[in-house]
């Protein structure tokens, strides 16, 4: 009996090592942050001009792109449209100065849902499309860092994703951990 227990204890670490290597996910480290993604997703390197950009290639071949910088896109702006106020413009006379506030009509055309969630130490806006109206699935954080140079924002998005990829991406987003930006 003692020999059997000793063999079991010797085999246990090996079994745990083998089982651990069959993980369904892995971490990808982008320097400023890391994210836990499905094991068949791959990191994508990109070159930004004024921000840190990169991404992921999913198992279905979708490209998910992140942008960490001052000019990061807020998808909620996509749900607000500005159109020329044609009625106002038709009533203008040649020598009349136009009232800039009257030139445009603002229409809100909601295409996404926005849920406030905690991502690491930040309040974030989780973005998902409403049925087939919206395009974006992802996350937006409006102030990762504030300095004299400006406000650093973070966005990570995919467009027109399948249901499975959306679910996997949202799970991955919730795993994001920022380096040097959150007190640990």
N, C-alpha and C. Protein backbone atom coordinates (compact mmCIF):
# COMPACT_ATOMS: atom_id res chain seq x y z
N UNK A 1 0.83 -1.20 0.00
CA UNK A 1 0.00 0.00 0.00
C UNK A 1 0.87 1.26 0.00
N UNK A 2 1.94 1.27 0.80
CA UNK A 2 2.82 2.42 0.88
C UNK A 2 3.49 2.72 -0.45
N UNK A 3 3.88 1.67 -1.18
CA UNK A 3 4.51 1.83 -2.48
C UNK A 3 3.54 2.46 -3.48
N UNK A 4 2.28 2.07 -3.41
CA UNK A 4 1.25 2.61 -4.29
C UNK A 4 1.04 4.11 -4.02
N UNK A 5 1.03 4.50 -2.76
CA UNK A 5 0.87 5.91 -2.39
C UNK A 5 2.07 6.71 -2.87
N UNK A 6 3.27 6.17 -2.72
CA UNK A 6 4.47 6.87 -3.18
C UNK A 6 4.46 7.07 -4.70
N UNK A 7 4.04 6.05 -5.44
CA UNK A 7 3.94 6.19 -6.90
C UNK A 7 2.92 7.26 -7.29
N UNK A 8 1.80 7.25 -6.56
CA UNK A 8 0.77 8.26 -6.82
C UNK A 8 1.33 9.67 -6.59
N UNK A 9 2.03 9.85 -5.48
CA UNK A 9 2.60 11.17 -5.17
C UNK A 9 3.65 11.58 -6.18
N UNK A 10 4.39 10.62 -6.73
CA UNK A 10 5.38 10.93 -7.75
C UNK A 10 4.71 11.29 -9.08
N UNK A 11 3.61 10.66 -9.39
CA UNK A 11 2.92 10.88 -10.67
C UNK A 11 2.03 12.12 -10.65
N UNK A 12 1.60 12.55 -9.48
CA UNK A 12 0.68 13.69 -9.37
C UNK A 12 1.24 14.96 -10.00
N UNK A 13 2.49 15.38 -9.70
CA UNK A 13 3.00 16.61 -10.34
C UNK A 13 3.06 16.50 -11.86
N UNK A 14 3.43 15.33 -12.37
CA UNK A 14 3.49 15.13 -13.82
C UNK A 14 2.10 15.25 -14.44
N UNK A 15 1.11 14.65 -13.79
CA UNK A 15 -0.27 14.73 -14.29
C UNK A 15 -0.77 16.17 -14.28
N UNK A 16 -0.46 16.90 -13.21
CA UNK A 16 -0.88 18.31 -13.14
C UNK A 16 -0.21 19.15 -14.22
N UNK A 17 1.07 18.87 -14.48
CA UNK A 17 1.79 19.60 -15.53
C UNK A 17 1.16 19.34 -16.89
N UNK A 18 0.84 18.09 -17.18
CA UNK A 18 0.24 17.74 -18.47
C UNK A 18 -1.14 18.38 -18.60
N UNK A 19 -1.96 18.30 -17.56
CA UNK A 19 -3.29 18.90 -17.61
C UNK A 19 -3.21 20.41 -17.73
N UNK A 20 -2.24 21.02 -17.06
CA UNK A 20 -2.09 22.47 -17.12
C UNK A 20 -1.67 22.95 -18.49
N UNK A 21 -0.94 22.12 -19.24
CA UNK A 21 -0.51 22.53 -20.57
C UNK A 21 -1.62 22.42 -21.60
N UNK A 22 -2.74 21.82 -21.24
CA UNK A 22 -3.88 21.68 -22.14
C UNK A 22 -4.89 22.81 -21.90
N UNK A 23 -4.41 23.97 -21.58
CA UNK A 23 -5.27 25.10 -21.25
C UNK A 23 -6.06 25.58 -22.46
N UNK A 24 -7.26 26.06 -22.20
CA UNK A 24 -8.10 26.59 -23.27
C UNK A 24 -7.80 28.05 -23.56
N UNK A 25 -6.91 28.65 -22.77
CA UNK A 25 -6.62 30.07 -22.96
C UNK A 25 -5.15 30.35 -22.66
N UNK A 26 -4.72 31.54 -23.06
CA UNK A 26 -3.37 31.99 -22.73
C UNK A 26 -3.37 33.51 -22.63
N UNK A 27 -2.37 34.03 -21.92
CA UNK A 27 -2.23 35.48 -21.78
C UNK A 27 -1.37 36.02 -22.91
N UNK A 28 -1.79 37.17 -23.42
CA UNK A 28 -0.98 37.91 -24.38
C UNK A 28 -0.59 39.21 -23.70
N UNK A 29 0.70 39.50 -23.72
CA UNK A 29 1.24 40.68 -23.05
C UNK A 29 1.55 41.75 -24.09
N UNK A 30 0.88 42.91 -23.97
CA UNK A 30 1.10 44.01 -24.90
C UNK A 30 1.97 45.11 -24.30
N UNK A 31 2.60 44.86 -23.16
CA UNK A 31 3.44 45.87 -22.53
C UNK A 31 2.68 46.66 -21.48
N UNK A 32 1.77 47.52 -21.91
CA UNK A 32 0.98 48.32 -20.98
C UNK A 32 -0.13 47.51 -20.31
N UNK A 33 -0.55 46.44 -20.97
CA UNK A 33 -1.61 45.60 -20.41
C UNK A 33 -1.46 44.18 -20.92
N UNK A 34 -2.15 43.28 -20.25
CA UNK A 34 -2.21 41.90 -20.73
C UNK A 34 -3.67 41.45 -20.74
N UNK A 35 -3.95 40.44 -21.56
CA UNK A 35 -5.31 39.95 -21.74
C UNK A 35 -5.27 38.43 -21.87
N UNK A 36 -6.25 37.76 -21.28
CA UNK A 36 -6.37 36.31 -21.36
C UNK A 36 -7.35 35.97 -22.47
N UNK A 37 -6.88 35.28 -23.50
CA UNK A 37 -7.70 34.99 -24.69
C UNK A 37 -7.71 33.48 -24.96
N UNK A 38 -8.67 33.02 -25.79
CA UNK A 38 -8.67 31.61 -26.18
C UNK A 38 -7.32 31.21 -26.78
N UNK A 39 -6.94 29.96 -26.57
CA UNK A 39 -5.60 29.50 -26.96
C UNK A 39 -5.33 29.58 -28.46
N UNK A 40 -6.39 29.60 -29.28
CA UNK A 40 -6.17 29.67 -30.73
C UNK A 40 -6.21 31.10 -31.27
N UNK A 41 -6.27 32.11 -30.40
CA UNK A 41 -6.19 33.51 -30.83
C UNK A 41 -4.72 33.92 -30.84
N UNK A 42 -4.37 34.77 -31.79
CA UNK A 42 -2.98 35.20 -31.95
C UNK A 42 -2.85 36.72 -31.84
N UNK A 43 -1.71 37.15 -31.32
CA UNK A 43 -1.42 38.59 -31.21
C UNK A 43 -1.16 39.16 -32.60
N UNK A 44 -1.54 40.41 -32.79
CA UNK A 44 -1.33 41.12 -34.04
C UNK A 44 -0.53 42.38 -33.74
N UNK A 45 0.61 42.54 -34.40
CA UNK A 45 1.43 43.74 -34.22
C UNK A 45 1.03 44.78 -35.26
N UNK A 46 0.93 46.03 -34.80
CA UNK A 46 0.58 47.13 -35.70
C UNK A 46 1.45 48.33 -35.33
N UNK A 47 1.57 49.27 -36.23
CA UNK A 47 2.35 50.48 -35.98
C UNK A 47 1.42 51.68 -35.93
N UNK A 48 1.38 52.36 -34.79
CA UNK A 48 0.58 53.56 -34.66
C UNK A 48 1.43 54.80 -34.87
N UNK A 49 0.78 55.92 -35.15
CA UNK A 49 1.49 57.18 -35.33
C UNK A 49 1.60 57.92 -34.01
N UNK A 50 0.47 58.09 -33.33
CA UNK A 50 0.46 58.86 -32.09
C UNK A 50 -0.11 58.07 -30.93
N UNK A 51 -0.21 56.76 -31.06
CA UNK A 51 -0.74 55.94 -29.98
C UNK A 51 -0.19 54.52 -30.08
N UNK A 52 -0.41 53.76 -29.03
CA UNK A 52 -0.02 52.36 -29.00
C UNK A 52 -1.19 51.56 -29.56
N UNK A 53 -0.98 50.86 -30.65
CA UNK A 53 -2.03 50.07 -31.28
C UNK A 53 -1.54 48.63 -31.49
N UNK A 54 -2.48 47.73 -31.55
CA UNK A 54 -2.18 46.33 -31.78
C UNK A 54 -3.49 45.58 -31.86
N UNK A 55 -3.43 44.28 -31.76
CA UNK A 55 -4.69 43.57 -31.85
C UNK A 55 -4.56 42.08 -31.70
N UNK A 56 -5.64 41.43 -32.10
CA UNK A 56 -5.76 39.98 -32.03
C UNK A 56 -6.37 39.46 -33.32
N UNK A 57 -6.00 38.26 -33.68
CA UNK A 57 -6.67 37.52 -34.75
C UNK A 57 -7.38 36.36 -34.06
N UNK A 58 -8.70 36.28 -34.24
CA UNK A 58 -9.49 35.24 -33.58
C UNK A 58 -9.43 33.94 -34.37
N UNK A 59 -9.99 32.90 -33.79
CA UNK A 59 -10.03 31.59 -34.45
C UNK A 59 -10.87 31.63 -35.72
N UNK A 60 -11.78 32.60 -35.83
CA UNK A 60 -12.62 32.73 -37.02
C UNK A 60 -12.04 33.72 -38.03
N UNK A 61 -10.82 34.22 -37.75
CA UNK A 61 -10.16 35.13 -38.67
C UNK A 61 -10.55 36.59 -38.51
N UNK A 62 -11.31 36.92 -37.46
CA UNK A 62 -11.67 38.32 -37.21
C UNK A 62 -10.47 39.06 -36.63
N UNK A 63 -10.38 40.35 -36.93
CA UNK A 63 -9.34 41.21 -36.38
C UNK A 63 -9.95 42.10 -35.31
N UNK A 64 -9.39 42.05 -34.12
CA UNK A 64 -9.80 42.89 -33.00
C UNK A 64 -8.65 43.86 -32.76
N UNK A 65 -8.94 45.15 -32.69
CA UNK A 65 -7.89 46.16 -32.62
C UNK A 65 -8.02 46.98 -31.35
N UNK A 66 -6.87 47.21 -30.68
CA UNK A 66 -6.87 48.12 -29.54
C UNK A 66 -6.13 49.39 -29.91
N UNK A 67 -6.48 50.47 -29.22
CA UNK A 67 -5.85 51.78 -29.40
C UNK A 67 -5.71 52.38 -28.01
N UNK A 68 -4.49 52.68 -27.61
CA UNK A 68 -4.20 53.30 -26.32
C UNK A 68 -3.52 54.62 -26.63
N UNK A 69 -4.28 55.72 -26.50
CA UNK A 69 -3.72 57.02 -26.86
C UNK A 69 -4.70 58.15 -26.62
N UNK A 70 -4.32 59.33 -27.07
CA UNK A 70 -5.12 60.54 -26.84
C UNK A 70 -6.36 60.62 -27.72
N UNK A 71 -6.33 60.00 -28.88
CA UNK A 71 -7.41 60.17 -29.85
C UNK A 71 -8.23 58.90 -30.05
N UNK A 72 -8.25 58.05 -29.06
CA UNK A 72 -8.98 56.79 -29.14
C UNK A 72 -10.47 57.03 -29.37
N UNK A 73 -11.03 56.29 -30.27
CA UNK A 73 -12.43 56.41 -30.70
C UNK A 73 -13.40 55.94 -29.62
N UNK A 74 -14.42 56.75 -29.34
CA UNK A 74 -15.52 56.38 -28.44
C UNK A 74 -16.69 55.97 -29.32
N UNK A 75 -17.09 54.70 -29.31
CA UNK A 75 -18.15 54.23 -30.21
C UNK A 75 -19.51 54.86 -29.95
N UNK A 76 -19.69 55.46 -28.77
CA UNK A 76 -20.97 56.11 -28.48
C UNK A 76 -21.20 57.29 -29.42
N UNK A 77 -20.10 57.87 -29.92
CA UNK A 77 -20.22 58.96 -30.89
C UNK A 77 -20.84 58.47 -32.20
N UNK A 78 -20.70 57.18 -32.47
CA UNK A 78 -21.28 56.59 -33.69
C UNK A 78 -22.81 56.59 -33.63
N UNK A 79 -23.36 56.61 -32.42
CA UNK A 79 -24.81 56.59 -32.25
C UNK A 79 -25.43 57.98 -32.31
N UNK A 80 -24.60 59.01 -32.47
CA UNK A 80 -25.11 60.38 -32.59
C UNK A 80 -24.75 60.86 -34.00
N UNK A 81 -25.74 61.27 -34.73
CA UNK A 81 -25.53 61.72 -36.10
C UNK A 81 -25.83 63.21 -36.20
N UNK A 82 -25.04 63.89 -36.99
CA UNK A 82 -25.31 65.29 -37.28
C UNK A 82 -25.66 65.39 -38.76
N UNK A 83 -26.77 66.06 -39.05
CA UNK A 83 -27.19 66.25 -40.43
C UNK A 83 -27.45 67.73 -40.66
N UNK A 84 -27.22 68.14 -41.90
CA UNK A 84 -27.54 69.52 -42.24
C UNK A 84 -29.02 69.78 -42.03
N UNK A 85 -29.33 70.90 -41.45
CA UNK A 85 -30.71 71.33 -41.28
C UNK A 85 -31.13 72.00 -42.59
N UNK A 86 -31.67 71.23 -43.50
CA UNK A 86 -31.99 71.73 -44.84
C UNK A 86 -33.05 72.82 -44.81
N UNK A 87 -34.02 72.71 -43.91
CA UNK A 87 -35.07 73.74 -43.82
C UNK A 87 -34.44 75.08 -43.45
N UNK A 88 -33.53 75.08 -42.49
CA UNK A 88 -32.86 76.31 -42.09
C UNK A 88 -32.02 76.86 -43.24
N UNK A 89 -31.28 75.98 -43.93
CA UNK A 89 -30.39 76.43 -45.00
C UNK A 89 -31.18 77.00 -46.18
N UNK A 90 -32.34 76.42 -46.49
CA UNK A 90 -33.14 76.93 -47.60
C UNK A 90 -33.68 78.32 -47.32
N UNK A 91 -33.86 78.64 -46.04
CA UNK A 91 -34.40 79.95 -45.67
C UNK A 91 -33.34 81.04 -45.59
N UNK A 92 -32.07 80.69 -45.74
CA UNK A 92 -31.00 81.69 -45.64
C UNK A 92 -30.98 82.58 -46.88
N UNK A 93 -30.71 83.83 -46.67
CA UNK A 93 -30.53 84.77 -47.77
C UNK A 93 -29.04 84.91 -48.05
N UNK A 94 -28.69 85.36 -49.25
CA UNK A 94 -27.30 85.42 -49.69
C UNK A 94 -26.41 86.23 -48.75
N UNK A 95 -26.89 87.33 -48.22
CA UNK A 95 -26.06 88.19 -47.38
C UNK A 95 -26.25 87.93 -45.89
N UNK A 96 -27.03 86.93 -45.57
CA UNK A 96 -27.33 86.63 -44.17
C UNK A 96 -26.25 85.71 -43.59
N UNK A 97 -25.82 86.03 -42.37
CA UNK A 97 -24.83 85.19 -41.70
C UNK A 97 -25.56 84.01 -41.04
N UNK A 98 -25.02 82.83 -41.24
CA UNK A 98 -25.66 81.62 -40.72
C UNK A 98 -25.34 81.44 -39.24
N UNK A 99 -26.33 81.02 -38.49
CA UNK A 99 -26.15 80.65 -37.08
C UNK A 99 -25.63 79.22 -37.07
N UNK A 100 -24.38 79.07 -36.63
CA UNK A 100 -23.73 77.77 -36.71
C UNK A 100 -24.50 76.68 -35.95
N UNK A 101 -25.14 77.06 -34.84
CA UNK A 101 -25.90 76.08 -34.06
C UNK A 101 -27.16 75.62 -34.79
N UNK A 102 -27.62 76.39 -35.74
CA UNK A 102 -28.83 76.02 -36.47
C UNK A 102 -28.53 75.26 -37.76
N UNK A 103 -27.27 75.20 -38.16
CA UNK A 103 -26.90 74.53 -39.41
C UNK A 103 -27.07 73.01 -39.33
N UNK A 104 -26.93 72.46 -38.15
CA UNK A 104 -26.97 71.01 -38.00
C UNK A 104 -28.08 70.58 -37.07
N UNK A 105 -28.63 69.43 -37.36
CA UNK A 105 -29.58 68.78 -36.46
C UNK A 105 -28.89 67.54 -35.89
N UNK A 106 -29.01 67.38 -34.61
CA UNK A 106 -28.41 66.21 -33.97
C UNK A 106 -29.48 65.15 -33.78
N UNK A 107 -29.21 63.95 -34.30
CA UNK A 107 -30.14 62.83 -34.12
C UNK A 107 -29.42 61.71 -33.39
N UNK A 108 -30.10 61.17 -32.42
CA UNK A 108 -29.53 60.03 -31.71
C UNK A 108 -30.16 58.77 -32.29
N UNK A 109 -29.31 57.91 -32.79
CA UNK A 109 -29.74 56.68 -33.43
C UNK A 109 -28.99 55.53 -32.73
N UNK A 110 -29.57 55.03 -31.66
CA UNK A 110 -28.90 54.04 -30.82
C UNK A 110 -28.73 52.72 -31.58
N UNK A 111 -27.47 52.28 -31.67
CA UNK A 111 -27.14 51.04 -32.36
C UNK A 111 -26.41 50.05 -31.45
N UNK A 112 -26.05 50.50 -30.26
CA UNK A 112 -25.27 49.68 -29.34
C UNK A 112 -25.81 49.80 -27.92
N UNK A 113 -25.50 48.81 -27.10
CA UNK A 113 -25.77 48.92 -25.67
C UNK A 113 -24.45 49.25 -24.99
N UNK A 114 -24.55 50.00 -23.91
CA UNK A 114 -23.37 50.43 -23.15
C UNK A 114 -23.57 50.04 -21.70
N UNK A 115 -22.67 49.25 -21.19
CA UNK A 115 -22.74 48.79 -19.81
C UNK A 115 -21.47 49.25 -19.10
N UNK A 116 -21.62 49.88 -17.94
CA UNK A 116 -20.46 50.29 -17.16
C UNK A 116 -19.97 49.09 -16.36
N UNK A 117 -18.70 48.75 -16.55
CA UNK A 117 -18.09 47.61 -15.87
C UNK A 117 -16.74 48.03 -15.31
N UNK A 118 -16.22 47.24 -14.39
CA UNK A 118 -14.87 47.45 -13.87
C UNK A 118 -13.91 46.58 -14.66
N UNK A 119 -12.89 47.21 -15.23
CA UNK A 119 -11.81 46.50 -15.89
C UNK A 119 -10.55 46.88 -15.13
N UNK A 120 -10.00 45.94 -14.42
CA UNK A 120 -8.88 46.18 -13.51
C UNK A 120 -9.30 47.29 -12.54
N UNK A 121 -8.62 48.42 -12.51
CA UNK A 121 -8.99 49.48 -11.56
C UNK A 121 -9.77 50.62 -12.23
N UNK A 122 -10.25 50.42 -13.43
CA UNK A 122 -10.93 51.47 -14.19
C UNK A 122 -12.41 51.18 -14.41
N UNK A 123 -13.20 52.24 -14.47
CA UNK A 123 -14.59 52.15 -14.93
C UNK A 123 -14.52 52.16 -16.45
N UNK A 124 -15.17 51.21 -17.06
CA UNK A 124 -15.11 51.07 -18.51
C UNK A 124 -16.51 50.98 -19.09
N UNK A 125 -16.59 51.27 -20.37
CA UNK A 125 -17.85 51.17 -21.10
C UNK A 125 -17.76 49.93 -22.00
N UNK A 126 -18.53 48.90 -21.66
CA UNK A 126 -18.59 47.68 -22.47
C UNK A 126 -19.62 47.91 -23.56
N UNK A 127 -19.21 47.73 -24.80
CA UNK A 127 -20.04 48.06 -25.95
C UNK A 127 -20.44 46.78 -26.68
N UNK A 128 -21.75 46.61 -26.90
CA UNK A 128 -22.22 45.48 -27.70
C UNK A 128 -23.29 45.98 -28.67
N UNK A 129 -23.36 45.39 -29.86
CA UNK A 129 -24.34 45.84 -30.84
C UNK A 129 -25.76 45.42 -30.48
N UNK A 130 -26.71 46.23 -30.90
CA UNK A 130 -28.13 45.87 -30.78
C UNK A 130 -28.50 45.16 -32.07
N UNK A 131 -28.75 43.87 -31.96
CA UNK A 131 -29.10 43.05 -33.13
C UNK A 131 -28.15 43.32 -34.29
N UNK A 132 -28.70 43.60 -35.45
CA UNK A 132 -27.86 43.83 -36.63
C UNK A 132 -27.63 45.32 -36.88
N UNK A 133 -28.12 46.18 -35.99
CA UNK A 133 -27.98 47.62 -36.20
C UNK A 133 -26.55 48.11 -35.99
N UNK A 134 -25.91 47.62 -34.94
CA UNK A 134 -24.58 48.11 -34.59
C UNK A 134 -23.48 47.23 -35.12
N UNK A 135 -22.30 47.79 -35.14
CA UNK A 135 -21.15 47.08 -35.66
C UNK A 135 -20.19 46.64 -34.56
N UNK A 136 -20.04 47.45 -33.52
CA UNK A 136 -18.93 47.30 -32.58
C UNK A 136 -19.24 46.40 -31.39
N UNK A 137 -18.26 45.59 -31.04
CA UNK A 137 -18.21 44.89 -29.76
C UNK A 137 -16.85 45.25 -29.18
N UNK A 138 -16.84 45.69 -27.92
CA UNK A 138 -15.56 46.03 -27.33
C UNK A 138 -15.69 46.79 -26.04
N UNK A 139 -14.64 47.53 -25.74
CA UNK A 139 -14.56 48.28 -24.48
C UNK A 139 -13.93 49.64 -24.75
N UNK A 140 -14.37 50.63 -23.96
CA UNK A 140 -13.81 51.99 -24.05
C UNK A 140 -13.59 52.50 -22.64
N UNK A 141 -12.40 53.02 -22.38
CA UNK A 141 -12.08 53.67 -21.11
C UNK A 141 -11.63 55.08 -21.44
N UNK A 142 -12.34 56.08 -20.90
CA UNK A 142 -12.09 57.47 -21.32
C UNK A 142 -10.93 58.15 -20.63
N UNK A 143 -10.36 57.58 -19.59
CA UNK A 143 -9.20 58.23 -18.97
C UNK A 143 -8.34 57.21 -18.23
N UNK A 144 -7.44 56.60 -18.98
CA UNK A 144 -6.47 55.67 -18.42
C UNK A 144 -5.42 56.45 -17.65
N UNK A 145 -5.02 57.58 -18.20
CA UNK A 145 -3.98 58.40 -17.59
C UNK A 145 -4.22 59.86 -17.97
N UNK A 146 -4.07 60.75 -17.01
CA UNK A 146 -4.22 62.18 -17.26
C UNK A 146 -2.89 62.85 -16.94
N UNK A 147 -2.38 63.62 -17.90
CA UNK A 147 -1.11 64.34 -17.70
C UNK A 147 -1.22 65.71 -18.33
N UNK A 148 -0.15 66.49 -18.23
CA UNK A 148 -0.12 67.82 -18.86
C UNK A 148 -0.24 67.70 -20.38
N UNK A 149 0.17 66.57 -20.93
CA UNK A 149 0.12 66.37 -22.38
C UNK A 149 -1.27 66.03 -22.90
N UNK A 150 -2.12 65.48 -22.04
CA UNK A 150 -3.47 65.11 -22.48
C UNK A 150 -4.02 63.94 -21.70
N UNK A 151 -5.15 63.45 -22.16
CA UNK A 151 -5.83 62.33 -21.51
C UNK A 151 -5.64 61.09 -22.39
N UNK A 152 -5.07 60.05 -21.81
CA UNK A 152 -4.88 58.80 -22.52
C UNK A 152 -6.13 57.95 -22.36
N UNK A 153 -6.66 57.48 -23.48
CA UNK A 153 -7.88 56.67 -23.51
C UNK A 153 -7.53 55.28 -24.03
N UNK A 154 -8.45 54.35 -23.84
CA UNK A 154 -8.23 52.98 -24.29
C UNK A 154 -9.49 52.45 -24.95
N UNK A 155 -9.32 51.85 -26.10
CA UNK A 155 -10.42 51.18 -26.79
C UNK A 155 -9.93 49.87 -27.38
N UNK A 156 -10.79 48.86 -27.36
CA UNK A 156 -10.45 47.56 -27.95
C UNK A 156 -11.73 47.05 -28.59
N UNK A 157 -11.74 46.93 -29.94
CA UNK A 157 -12.99 46.65 -30.66
C UNK A 157 -12.82 45.61 -31.76
N UNK A 158 -13.94 44.97 -32.03
CA UNK A 158 -14.09 44.13 -33.20
C UNK A 158 -15.40 44.53 -33.86
N UNK A 159 -15.54 44.26 -35.14
CA UNK A 159 -16.77 44.61 -35.85
C UNK A 159 -17.40 43.37 -36.46
N UNK A 160 -18.72 43.37 -36.46
CA UNK A 160 -19.51 42.31 -37.08
C UNK A 160 -19.03 40.92 -36.67
N UNK A 161 -18.93 40.69 -35.37
CA UNK A 161 -18.44 39.42 -34.85
C UNK A 161 -19.57 38.40 -34.72
N UNK A 162 -19.23 37.14 -34.85
CA UNK A 162 -20.21 36.08 -34.61
C UNK A 162 -20.56 36.06 -33.12
N UNK A 163 -21.65 35.40 -32.79
CA UNK A 163 -22.08 35.33 -31.39
C UNK A 163 -20.99 34.71 -30.52
N UNK A 164 -20.40 33.63 -30.99
CA UNK A 164 -19.34 32.95 -30.23
C UNK A 164 -18.14 33.86 -30.00
N UNK A 165 -17.69 34.54 -31.05
CA UNK A 165 -16.53 35.42 -30.92
C UNK A 165 -16.85 36.59 -30.00
N UNK A 166 -18.07 37.15 -30.10
CA UNK A 166 -18.47 38.23 -29.19
C UNK A 166 -18.35 37.79 -27.74
N UNK A 167 -18.89 36.61 -27.44
CA UNK A 167 -18.86 36.10 -26.06
C UNK A 167 -17.43 35.87 -25.59
N UNK A 168 -16.60 35.29 -26.44
CA UNK A 168 -15.20 35.05 -26.08
C UNK A 168 -14.46 36.37 -25.89
N UNK A 169 -14.74 37.35 -26.75
CA UNK A 169 -14.07 38.65 -26.66
C UNK A 169 -14.47 39.38 -25.38
N UNK A 170 -15.75 39.35 -25.04
CA UNK A 170 -16.20 40.02 -23.81
C UNK A 170 -15.57 39.36 -22.59
N UNK A 171 -15.46 38.04 -22.59
CA UNK A 171 -14.78 37.35 -21.49
C UNK A 171 -13.32 37.79 -21.42
N UNK A 172 -12.67 37.89 -22.57
CA UNK A 172 -11.27 38.32 -22.61
C UNK A 172 -11.13 39.77 -22.12
N UNK A 173 -12.04 40.64 -22.54
CA UNK A 173 -11.99 42.05 -22.12
C UNK A 173 -12.02 42.15 -20.60
N UNK A 174 -12.87 41.35 -19.98
CA UNK A 174 -13.00 41.39 -18.51
C UNK A 174 -11.72 40.93 -17.81
N UNK A 175 -10.83 40.26 -18.52
CA UNK A 175 -9.57 39.77 -17.93
C UNK A 175 -8.43 40.77 -18.05
N UNK A 176 -8.64 41.88 -18.76
CA UNK A 176 -7.55 42.84 -19.00
C UNK A 176 -6.98 43.34 -17.68
N UNK A 177 -5.66 43.37 -17.62
CA UNK A 177 -4.93 43.88 -16.46
C UNK A 177 -3.91 44.89 -16.96
N UNK A 178 -3.97 46.11 -16.41
CA UNK A 178 -3.06 47.18 -16.83
C UNK A 178 -1.83 47.20 -15.92
N UNK A 179 -0.67 47.36 -16.53
CA UNK A 179 0.58 47.45 -15.78
C UNK A 179 0.87 48.89 -15.43
N UNK A 180 1.42 49.09 -14.29
CA UNK A 180 1.90 50.41 -13.86
C UNK A 180 0.82 51.47 -13.83
N UNK A 181 -0.42 51.12 -14.04
CA UNK A 181 -1.50 52.10 -14.04
C UNK A 181 -2.46 51.91 -12.87
N UNK A 182 -2.43 50.75 -12.26
CA UNK A 182 -3.29 50.45 -11.12
C UNK A 182 -2.40 50.11 -9.93
N UNK A 183 -2.72 50.65 -8.77
CA UNK A 183 -1.97 50.32 -7.55
C UNK A 183 -2.26 48.87 -7.19
N UNK A 184 -1.24 48.13 -6.93
CA UNK A 184 -1.41 46.71 -6.57
C UNK A 184 -0.91 46.48 -5.17
